[in-house]
Amino acid sequence: MNRLIIEELEAWFFGDVEAICAAYPRISPNLAQQAKYRNPDAVSGGTWEALERELQKKGYYPDGLSKLVVAQEIYQYMNPERNTSHSFQLFRDALLQMVYTVSDRLLKFIANG
């Protein structure tokens, strides 16, 4: 698997607005309906900056936010099956394929004793 997680993380958050709303209840669940966020992987002006703006508009992190803190707050609510970010879906599917491949090989190894 040759995928790197660089700017993708914030796009992945926008791909699961329910997770953002669960972590930050003042955020509107309609955020994903806004034209600029419909495609989480194509948010212009930087996904981190967009996430910071949305959170600050609702009174969160007025002095700036920490990527680590935000990631810890949001990830626990993320659901891989509902995430609409295409880059997340590719990463998720690659991980699942890797797990299935390893599991299959392990089962064959055990069966052949």
C-alpha atoms as a PDB file:
ATOM      1  CA  MET A   1       0.000   0.000   0.000  1.00  0.00           C
ATOM      2  CA  ASN A   2       1.625   3.161  -1.221  1.00  0.00           C
ATOM      3  CA  ARG A   3      -0.602   5.855   0.209  1.00  0.00           C
ATOM      4  CA  LEU A   4       0.564   8.673   2.473  1.00  0.00           C
ATOM      5  CA  ILE A   5      -1.646  10.620   4.837  1.00  0.00           C
ATOM      6  CA  ILE A   6      -0.605  14.227   4.507  1.00  0.00           C
ATOM      7  CA  GLU A   7      -3.296  16.830   3.830  1.00  0.00           C
ATOM      8  CA  GLU A   8      -5.865  14.064   3.681  1.00  0.00           C
ATOM      9  CA  LEU A   9      -6.736  13.973   7.377  1.00  0.00           C
ATOM     10  CA  GLU A  10      -8.865  17.122   7.424  1.00  0.00           C
ATOM     11  CA  ALA A  11     -10.584  16.080   4.183  1.00  0.00           C
ATOM     12  CA  TRP A  12     -11.384  12.824   5.926  1.00  0.00           C
ATOM     13  CA  PHE A  13     -12.976  14.785   8.769  1.00  0.00           C
ATOM     14  CA  PHE A  14     -15.120  16.728   6.273  1.00  0.00           C
ATOM     15  CA  GLY A  15     -16.064  13.348   4.807  1.00  0.00           C
ATOM     16  CA  ASP A  16     -17.736  12.479   8.101  1.00  0.00           C
ATOM     17  CA  VAL A  17     -19.585  15.602   9.209  1.00  0.00           C
ATOM     18  CA  GLU A  18     -21.521  13.531  11.754  1.00  0.00           C
ATOM     19  CA  ALA A  19     -18.221  12.926  13.550  1.00  0.00           C
ATOM     20  CA  ILE A  20     -17.396  16.637  13.517  1.00  0.00           C
ATOM     21  CA  CYS A  21     -20.855  17.425  14.910  1.00  0.00           C
ATOM     22  CA  ALA A  22     -20.548  14.777  17.618  1.00  0.00           C
ATOM     23  CA  ALA A  23     -17.214  16.239  18.740  1.00  0.00           C
ATOM     24  CA  TYR A  24     -18.357  19.841  18.319  1.00  0.00           C
ATOM     25  CA  PRO A  25     -22.146  20.047  18.830  1.00  0.00           C
ATOM     26  CA  ARG A  26     -22.453  23.700  17.777  1.00  0.00           C
ATOM     27  CA  ILE A  27     -21.429  22.752  14.218  1.00  0.00           C
ATOM     28  CA  SER A  28     -24.421  22.435  11.900  1.00  0.00           C
ATOM     29  CA  PRO A  29     -25.161  18.946  10.579  1.00  0.00           C
ATOM     30  CA  ASN A  30     -25.929  20.719   7.278  1.00  0.00           C
ATOM     31  CA  LEU A  31     -22.248  21.564   6.842  1.00  0.00           C
ATOM     32  CA  ALA A  32     -21.839  18.780   4.271  1.00  0.00           C
ATOM     33  CA  GLN A  33     -24.657  20.285   2.170  1.00  0.00           C
ATOM     34  CA  GLN A  34     -22.731  23.513   1.641  1.00  0.00           C
ATOM     35  CA  ALA A  35     -21.308  23.608  -1.891  1.00  0.00           C
ATOM     36  CA  LYS A  36     -17.734  24.133  -0.711  1.00  0.00           C
ATOM     37  CA  TYR A  37     -17.820  20.965   1.438  1.00  0.00           C
ATOM     38  CA  ARG A  38     -19.804  18.571  -0.774  1.00  0.00           C
ATOM     39  CA  ASN A  39     -16.586  17.042  -2.068  1.00  0.00           C
ATOM     40  CA  PRO A  40     -14.328  16.761   0.991  1.00  0.00           C
ATOM     41  CA  ASP A  41     -11.242  16.103  -1.139  1.00  0.00           C
ATOM     42  CA  ALA A  42     -11.708  19.312  -3.149  1.00  0.00           C
ATOM     43  CA  VAL A  43     -12.112  21.893  -0.371  1.00  0.00           C
ATOM     44  CA  SER A  44     -10.363  24.997  -1.664  1.00  0.00           C
ATOM     45  CA  GLY A  45      -8.078  27.148   0.418  1.00  0.00           C
ATOM     46  CA  GLY A  46      -6.810  24.252   2.510  1.00  0.00           C
ATOM     47  CA  THR A  47      -8.877  21.781   4.459  1.00  0.00           C
ATOM     48  CA  TRP A  48      -7.163  22.595   7.744  1.00  0.00           C
ATOM     49  CA  GLU A  49      -7.889  26.283   7.357  1.00  0.00           C
ATOM     50  CA  ALA A  50     -11.509  25.537   6.397  1.00  0.00           C
ATOM     51  CA  LEU A  51     -11.981  23.313   9.446  1.00  0.00           C
ATOM     52  CA  GLU A  52     -10.431  25.964  11.680  1.00  0.00           C
ATOM     53  CA  ARG A  53     -12.740  28.649  10.226  1.00  0.00           C
ATOM     54  CA  GLU A  54     -15.855  26.523  10.750  1.00  0.00           C
ATOM     55  CA  LEU A  55     -14.915  25.679  14.329  1.00  0.00           C
ATOM     56  CA  GLN A  56     -13.995  29.255  15.177  1.00  0.00           C
ATOM     57  CA  LYS A  57     -17.268  30.588  13.702  1.00  0.00           C
ATOM     58  CA  LYS A  58     -19.038  28.500  16.335  1.00  0.00           C
ATOM     59  CA  GLY A  59     -16.810  29.678  19.177  1.00  0.00           C
ATOM     60  CA  TYR A  60     -14.332  26.813  19.331  1.00  0.00           C
ATOM     61  CA  TYR A  61     -10.582  27.498  19.579  1.00  0.00           C
ATOM     62  CA  PRO A  62     -10.595  31.297  19.250  1.00  0.00           C
ATOM     63  CA  ASP A  63      -6.803  31.359  19.658  1.00  0.00           C
ATOM     64  CA  GLY A  64      -6.165  28.697  17.011  1.00  0.00           C
ATOM     65  CA  LEU A  65      -6.449  24.966  17.105  1.00  0.00           C
ATOM     66  CA  SER A  66      -4.055  22.111  17.513  1.00  0.00           C
ATOM     67  CA  LYS A  67      -4.210  19.390  14.866  1.00  0.00           C
ATOM     68  CA  LEU A  68      -3.536  16.767  17.527  1.00  0.00           C
ATOM     69  CA  VAL A  69      -6.353  17.961  19.803  1.00  0.00           C
ATOM     70  CA  VAL A  70      -8.860  18.208  16.957  1.00  0.00           C
ATOM     71  CA  ALA A  71      -7.878  14.778  15.638  1.00  0.00           C
ATOM     72  CA  GLN A  72      -8.328  13.271  19.105  1.00  0.00           C
ATOM     73  CA  GLU A  73     -11.730  14.909  19.445  1.00  0.00           C
ATOM     74  CA  ILE A  74     -13.100  13.877  16.038  1.00  0.00           C
ATOM     75  CA  TYR A  75     -11.593  10.456  15.273  1.00  0.00           C
ATOM     76  CA  GLN A  76     -13.455   8.695  18.068  1.00  0.00           C
ATOM     77  CA  TYR A  77     -16.763   9.466  16.343  1.00  0.00           C
ATOM     78  CA  MET A  78     -15.697   8.606  12.796  1.00  0.00           C
ATOM     79  CA  ASN A  79     -17.500   5.795  11.010  1.00  0.00           C
ATOM     80  CA  PRO A  80     -15.481   4.402   8.082  1.00  0.00           C
ATOM     81  CA  GLU A  81     -18.624   3.235   6.278  1.00  0.00           C
ATOM     82  CA  ARG A  82     -20.283   6.653   6.096  1.00  0.00           C
ATOM     83  CA  ASN A  83     -17.205   8.672   5.146  1.00  0.00           C
ATOM     84  CA  THR A  84     -17.730  10.400   1.795  1.00  0.00           C
ATOM     85  CA  SER A  85     -14.093  11.351   1.175  1.00  0.00           C
ATOM     86  CA  HIS A  86     -12.864   9.446  -1.876  1.00  0.00           C
ATOM     87  CA  SER A  87      -9.266   9.460  -0.593  1.00  0.00           C
ATOM     88  CA  PHE A  88     -10.482   8.013   2.719  1.00  0.00           C
ATOM     89  CA  GLN A  89     -12.461   5.324   0.904  1.00  0.00           C
ATOM     90  CA  LEU A  90      -9.347   4.342  -1.085  1.00  0.00           C
ATOM     91  CA  PHE A  91      -7.237   4.199   2.075  1.00  0.00           C
ATOM     92  CA  ARG A  92      -9.921   2.253   3.975  1.00  0.00           C
ATOM     93  CA  ASP A  93     -10.338  -0.241   1.148  1.00  0.00           C
ATOM     94  CA  ALA A  94      -6.574  -0.742   0.845  1.00  0.00           C
ATOM     95  CA  LEU A  95      -6.338  -1.444   4.575  1.00  0.00           C
ATOM     96  CA  LEU A  96      -9.236  -3.879   4.413  1.00  0.00           C
ATOM     97  CA  GLN A  97      -7.664  -5.679   1.459  1.00  0.00           C
ATOM     98  CA  MET A  98      -4.412  -5.966   3.384  1.00  0.00           C
ATOM     99  CA  VAL A  99      -6.215  -7.379   6.432  1.00  0.00           C
ATOM    100  CA  TYR A 100      -8.156  -9.878   4.307  1.00  0.00           C
ATOM    101  CA  THR A 101      -4.974 -10.998   2.549  1.00  0.00           C
ATOM    102  CA  VAL A 102      -3.088 -11.518   5.813  1.00  0.00           C
ATOM    103  CA  SER A 103      -6.071 -13.286   7.386  1.00  0.00           C
ATOM    104  CA  ASP A 104      -6.423 -15.586   4.384  1.00  0.00           C
ATOM    105  CA  ARG A 105      -2.724 -16.468   4.464  1.00  0.00           C
ATOM    106  CA  LEU A 106      -2.838 -17.074   8.204  1.00  0.00           C
ATOM    107  CA  LEU A 107      -5.847 -19.388   7.880  1.00  0.00           C
ATOM    108  CA  LYS A 108      -4.122 -21.350   5.106  1.00  0.00           C
ATOM    109  CA  PHE A 109      -0.972 -21.623   7.216  1.00  0.00           C
ATOM    110  CA  ILE A 110      -2.967 -22.926  10.207  1.00  0.00           C
ATOM    111  CA  ALA A 111      -4.924 -25.351   8.046  1.00  0.00           C
ATOM    112  CA  ASN A 112      -1.738 -26.787   6.570  1.00  0.00           C
ATOM    113  CA  GLY A 113      -0.262 -27.041  10.069  1.00  0.00           C
END
